[in-house]
Amino acid sequence: MSWEVFAIGYAADPGRVSSRCFLDGFGGDAPMPGAYFAFLLRSGERLVMLDTGADAAVLARLNKPVRGGVAEALAALGLAPEAVTEVVQTHLHWDHAGNTGLFPRARFHLQRRELDYAAGPAMRHPLLRAGFEPGEVAAMVPLLHAGRLVLHDGDWAGPGGIEGFHLGGHTDGLQAVTVPTRRGRLCMAGDAVFRRENLERRVPFPALFHVGDALDAFETALRHAGDDPAAVIPGHDPRLLTEFPAAAPGTEGWITRLD
């Protein structure tokens, strides 16, 4: 099975500078804008979301310029959220785990370590809990009790050849997936690779739980991508919106096809 892969750039991060993209402060105050993404995987009638984006109220509170939300992006592609049957949450930070209520028919996939981390004693540290919205972490509990949340321990097999695996580093339970596409297997690396320069320099994004795991995650992501850096899709690189074709007329700079 081959999947189409859509990058939904739902919001921008125009004020970011280079030193806030690399643990070693590389580049100082040189501009290095970021972007916020959710990803849609489609194969025939089967739809899988990779992360669910950010809640509109959170984006407004944080003053992040919005291009178009996840629901609007699906509508632009002629799709309904109710048609999504699987959601993979790479982790539970605010920009990845909002909008879970948009997908009432979906089964969610999360690493058990991420729920333990986001709802555990590590959150007593303000620096570690800064990336989480408590309501979004709490939203995992009703899904679990409804039988709609699958907690994985490491590697797991998804539909149609999708494969999930644990990375850690950025958060304790960060995971990624690989997806078979017409241009080969892509590794959707999420926040393990903030921008492609992080992979090139082997220097992680500075928001971290464990530096060693973050460094190891570069090697793991590359291995899952067949050692092809071009097959590693970064989680926040705005060039995904300029270097790939628009998914449909009217979606330029908002939704692109990565496969």
Protein backbone atom coordinates (compact mmCIF):
# COMPACT_ATOMS: atom_id res chain seq x y z
CA MET A 1 0.00 0.00 0.00
CA SER A 2 1.20 3.51 -0.85
CA TRP A 3 0.16 6.63 1.04
CA GLU A 4 -0.25 10.24 0.06
CA VAL A 5 1.29 12.56 2.66
CA PHE A 6 -0.05 16.08 3.21
CA ALA A 7 1.64 18.73 5.35
CA ILE A 8 -0.87 21.14 6.89
CA GLY A 9 0.92 24.31 7.93
CA TYR A 10 -1.80 25.59 10.21
CA ALA A 11 0.17 28.41 11.89
CA ALA A 12 3.41 30.34 11.60
CA ASP A 13 6.21 31.18 14.00
CA PRO A 14 7.77 34.17 12.22
CA GLY A 15 9.71 35.67 15.12
CA ARG A 16 11.91 32.67 15.93
CA VAL A 17 15.68 33.20 15.75
CA SER A 18 18.44 30.69 15.15
CA SER A 19 19.59 30.44 18.77
CA ARG A 20 16.11 29.20 19.72
CA CYS A 21 16.36 26.37 17.20
CA PHE A 22 19.62 24.77 18.37
CA LEU A 23 20.73 23.58 21.80
CA ASP A 24 24.16 25.16 21.28
CA GLY A 25 22.74 28.61 20.43
CA PHE A 26 24.07 28.45 16.87
CA GLY A 27 23.40 31.53 14.74
CA GLY A 28 22.51 33.92 17.52
CA ASP A 29 19.77 36.36 16.59
CA ALA A 30 19.69 35.50 12.88
CA PRO A 31 16.06 34.99 11.77
CA MET A 32 15.01 31.35 11.48
CA PRO A 33 11.20 31.23 11.26
CA GLY A 34 9.33 28.08 12.13
CA ALA A 35 5.94 26.66 11.19
CA TYR A 36 3.37 24.52 12.97
CA PHE A 37 2.21 21.36 11.23
CA ALA A 38 -0.21 18.51 11.39
CA PHE A 39 0.06 15.78 8.74
CA LEU A 40 -2.60 13.83 6.90
CA LEU A 41 -1.95 10.38 5.43
CA ARG A 42 -4.38 9.11 2.77
CA SER A 43 -4.57 5.80 0.95
CA GLY A 44 -7.80 5.35 -0.96
CA GLU A 45 -10.60 5.92 1.52
CA ARG A 46 -8.34 5.40 4.54
CA LEU A 47 -7.33 8.57 6.41
CA VAL A 48 -4.79 8.85 9.22
CA MET A 49 -3.84 12.04 11.07
CA LEU A 50 -0.33 12.48 12.39
CA ASP A 51 -0.89 14.92 15.26
CA THR A 52 -3.96 17.10 15.62
CA GLY A 53 -2.50 20.61 15.67
CA ALA A 54 -3.21 23.34 18.19
CA ASP A 55 -6.42 24.62 19.70
CA ALA A 56 -7.49 27.99 18.28
CA ALA A 57 -7.74 29.55 21.74
CA VAL A 58 -4.17 28.50 22.57
CA LEU A 59 -2.87 29.94 19.29
CA ALA A 60 -4.62 33.22 20.03
CA ARG A 61 -3.25 33.35 23.57
CA LEU A 62 0.28 32.73 22.30
CA ASN A 63 -0.15 35.20 19.42
CA LYS A 64 0.70 32.71 16.70
CA PRO A 65 -0.44 33.77 13.19
CA VAL A 66 -2.94 31.22 11.88
CA ARG A 67 -3.04 30.17 8.21
CA GLY A 68 -5.99 27.79 8.45
CA GLY A 69 -6.98 25.19 11.00
CA VAL A 70 -6.95 21.42 10.66
CA ALA A 71 -10.72 21.20 10.11
CA GLU A 72 -10.52 23.88 7.42
CA ALA A 73 -7.62 22.07 5.76
CA LEU A 74 -9.56 18.82 5.59
CA ALA A 75 -12.52 20.68 4.10
CA ALA A 76 -10.23 22.24 1.47
CA LEU A 77 -9.27 18.69 0.47
CA GLY A 78 -12.92 17.62 0.33
CA LEU A 79 -12.63 15.52 3.49
CA ALA A 80 -14.47 15.40 6.81
CA PRO A 81 -12.82 14.83 10.22
CA GLU A 82 -15.34 12.04 10.85
CA ALA A 83 -13.69 10.05 8.06
CA VAL A 84 -10.38 9.86 9.95
CA THR A 85 -10.09 6.44 11.58
CA GLU A 86 -6.61 6.62 13.14
CA VAL A 87 -4.71 9.44 14.86
CA VAL A 88 -1.05 9.14 15.80
CA GLN A 89 0.01 11.58 18.51
CA THR A 90 3.78 12.02 18.31
CA HIS A 91 3.65 13.64 21.76
CA LEU A 92 1.34 15.80 23.87
CA HIS A 93 2.76 19.31 23.55
CA TRP A 94 0.17 22.03 22.90
CA ASP A 95 0.99 22.42 19.21
CA HIS A 96 0.50 18.71 18.52
CA ALA A 97 -2.33 17.53 20.77
CA GLY A 98 -5.15 20.05 20.44
CA ASN A 99 -8.39 19.42 18.54
CA THR A 100 -8.72 15.77 19.57
CA GLY A 101 -12.48 16.21 19.71
CA LEU A 102 -12.52 16.83 15.94
CA PHE A 103 -12.09 13.10 15.33
CA PRO A 104 -15.00 11.28 16.97
CA ARG A 105 -14.50 8.00 15.10
CA ALA A 106 -10.74 7.77 15.35
CA ARG A 107 -8.58 5.45 17.41
CA PHE A 108 -5.58 7.28 18.89
CA HIS A 109 -2.01 5.97 19.19
CA LEU A 110 0.44 7.23 21.83
CA GLN A 111 3.54 5.92 23.51
CA ARG A 112 2.78 4.84 27.08
CA ARG A 113 5.90 6.70 28.22
CA GLU A 114 4.45 9.97 26.93
CA LEU A 115 1.32 9.71 29.06
CA ASP A 116 3.41 8.65 32.07
CA TYR A 117 5.68 11.64 31.48
CA ALA A 118 3.02 14.29 30.82
CA ALA A 119 0.91 13.20 33.81
CA GLY A 120 3.77 12.22 36.11
CA PRO A 121 6.21 13.71 38.61
CA ALA A 122 8.41 15.32 35.93
CA MET A 123 5.67 17.94 35.54
CA ARG A 124 6.57 19.45 38.91
CA HIS A 125 9.36 21.23 36.98
CA PRO A 126 8.09 24.41 35.28
CA LEU A 127 10.62 24.08 32.46
CA LEU A 128 9.37 20.61 31.50
CA ARG A 129 5.66 21.33 31.79
CA ALA A 130 5.88 24.58 29.80
CA GLY A 131 5.03 22.87 26.51
CA PHE A 132 1.89 21.12 27.77
CA GLU A 133 -1.72 22.24 28.11
CA PRO A 134 -3.19 20.32 31.08
CA GLY A 135 -6.57 19.97 29.40
CA GLU A 136 -5.03 18.30 26.38
CA VAL A 137 -3.15 15.82 28.56
CA ALA A 138 -6.35 15.14 30.52
CA ALA A 139 -8.24 14.55 27.24
CA MET A 140 -6.33 11.30 26.81
CA VAL A 141 -8.10 9.74 29.82
CA PRO A 142 -11.64 9.66 28.35
CA LEU A 143 -10.20 8.24 25.13
CA LEU A 144 -8.47 5.52 27.11
CA HIS A 145 -11.63 4.64 29.03
CA ALA A 146 -13.63 4.59 25.81
CA GLY A 147 -11.25 2.06 24.27
CA ARG A 148 -10.08 4.62 21.72
CA LEU A 149 -6.50 5.14 22.93
CA VAL A 150 -3.82 2.55 22.25
CA LEU A 151 -0.72 2.93 24.43
CA HIS A 152 2.38 1.49 22.78
CA ASP A 153 5.68 0.38 24.27
CA GLY A 154 8.20 1.04 21.53
CA ASP A 155 7.72 -0.35 18.02
CA TRP A 156 4.24 -0.94 16.64
CA ALA A 157 2.60 -1.70 13.31
CA GLY A 158 -0.16 0.52 11.96
CA PRO A 159 -2.47 0.19 8.96
CA GLY A 160 -1.14 -0.20 5.45
CA GLY A 161 2.54 -0.52 6.29
CA ILE A 162 2.75 2.46 8.65
CA GLU A 163 5.27 1.73 11.41
CA GLY A 164 5.61 3.59 14.70
CA PHE A 165 8.62 3.70 17.00
CA HIS A 166 9.80 5.48 20.14
CA LEU A 167 12.44 8.22 19.95
CA GLY A 168 12.32 10.24 23.18
CA GLY A 169 14.59 13.20 23.81
CA HIS A 170 12.30 16.15 23.13
CA THR A 171 9.77 14.53 25.47
CA ASP A 172 10.22 11.18 27.17
CA GLY A 173 7.57 9.51 25.01
CA LEU A 174 8.15 11.22 21.66
CA GLN A 175 7.42 8.84 18.77
CA ALA A 176 7.71 8.93 15.00
CA VAL A 177 6.32 6.90 12.12
CA THR A 178 7.48 5.72 8.73
CA VAL A 179 5.08 5.69 5.81
CA PRO A 180 5.39 3.87 2.46
CA THR A 181 4.85 6.34 -0.40
CA ARG A 182 5.39 6.49 -4.14
CA ARG A 183 8.83 8.04 -3.55
CA GLY A 184 9.82 5.49 -0.94
CA ARG A 185 9.45 5.19 2.80
CA LEU A 186 9.31 8.55 4.56
CA CYS A 187 10.23 9.01 8.22
CA MET A 188 7.90 11.55 9.80
CA ALA A 189 10.37 12.59 12.49
CA GLY A 190 8.27 15.21 14.26
CA ASP A 191 10.06 17.29 16.87
CA ALA A 192 13.07 14.98 16.90
CA VAL A 193 14.09 17.04 13.83
CA PHE A 194 12.76 20.59 14.23
CA ARG A 195 14.34 21.80 10.97
CA ARG A 196 16.53 19.88 8.56
CA GLU A 197 19.56 21.80 9.86
CA ASN A 198 19.13 20.09 13.22
CA LEU A 199 19.68 16.74 11.52
CA GLU A 200 22.54 18.07 9.38
CA ARG A 201 24.36 19.52 12.39
CA ARG A 202 23.28 16.72 14.77
CA VAL A 203 22.25 19.38 17.28
CA PRO A 204 18.76 19.07 18.77
CA PHE A 205 16.08 21.67 19.35
CA PRO A 206 16.65 23.19 22.82
CA ALA A 207 13.30 22.16 24.39
CA LEU A 208 14.41 18.81 25.80
CA PHE A 209 13.80 16.16 28.39
CA HIS A 210 16.95 14.11 27.68
CA VAL A 211 19.89 15.33 25.60
CA GLY A 212 21.38 11.89 24.99
CA ASP A 213 18.08 10.47 23.75
CA ALA A 214 17.66 13.47 21.45
CA LEU A 215 21.08 12.84 19.92
CA ASP A 216 20.34 9.15 19.50
CA ALA A 217 17.02 10.06 17.85
CA PHE A 218 18.84 11.50 14.84
CA GLU A 219 20.49 8.13 14.20
CA THR A 220 17.23 6.24 14.78
CA ALA A 221 15.25 8.47 12.41
CA LEU A 222 17.90 8.15 9.71
CA ARG A 223 17.99 4.38 10.07
CA HIS A 224 14.23 4.18 9.65
CA ALA A 225 14.56 6.39 6.56
CA GLY A 226 17.02 4.02 4.92
CA ASP A 227 19.89 6.42 5.76
CA ASP A 228 18.47 8.98 3.32
CA PRO A 229 18.31 12.44 4.96
CA ALA A 230 15.86 13.62 2.27
CA ALA A 231 13.39 10.98 3.48
CA VAL A 232 13.40 12.42 7.03
CA ILE A 233 10.55 14.93 7.28
CA PRO A 234 11.19 17.61 9.92
CA GLY A 235 8.43 18.73 12.24
CA HIS A 236 8.57 22.54 12.02
CA ASP A 237 10.47 23.48 8.86
CA PRO A 238 8.54 26.12 6.84
CA ARG A 239 10.27 24.94 3.66
CA LEU A 240 7.79 22.07 3.61
CA LEU A 241 5.33 24.72 2.39
CA THR A 242 7.55 26.17 -0.36
CA GLU A 243 9.58 23.24 -1.68
CA PHE A 244 6.66 20.86 -2.27
CA PRO A 245 3.61 21.29 -4.51
CA ALA A 246 0.32 22.61 -3.21
CA ALA A 247 -2.16 19.86 -2.42
CA ALA A 248 -5.00 21.56 -4.31
CA PRO A 249 -5.78 24.91 -5.91
CA GLY A 250 -6.08 27.57 -3.25
CA THR A 251 -3.88 25.75 -0.72
CA GLU A 252 -0.55 27.28 -1.70
CA GLY A 253 1.59 28.01 1.35
CA TRP A 254 -0.85 26.09 3.54
CA ILE A 255 -1.20 22.44 2.46
CA THR A 256 1.43 20.61 0.41
CA ARG A 257 2.03 17.07 -0.89
CA LEU A 258 5.23 15.54 0.42
CA ASP A 259 5.06 12.19 -1.38
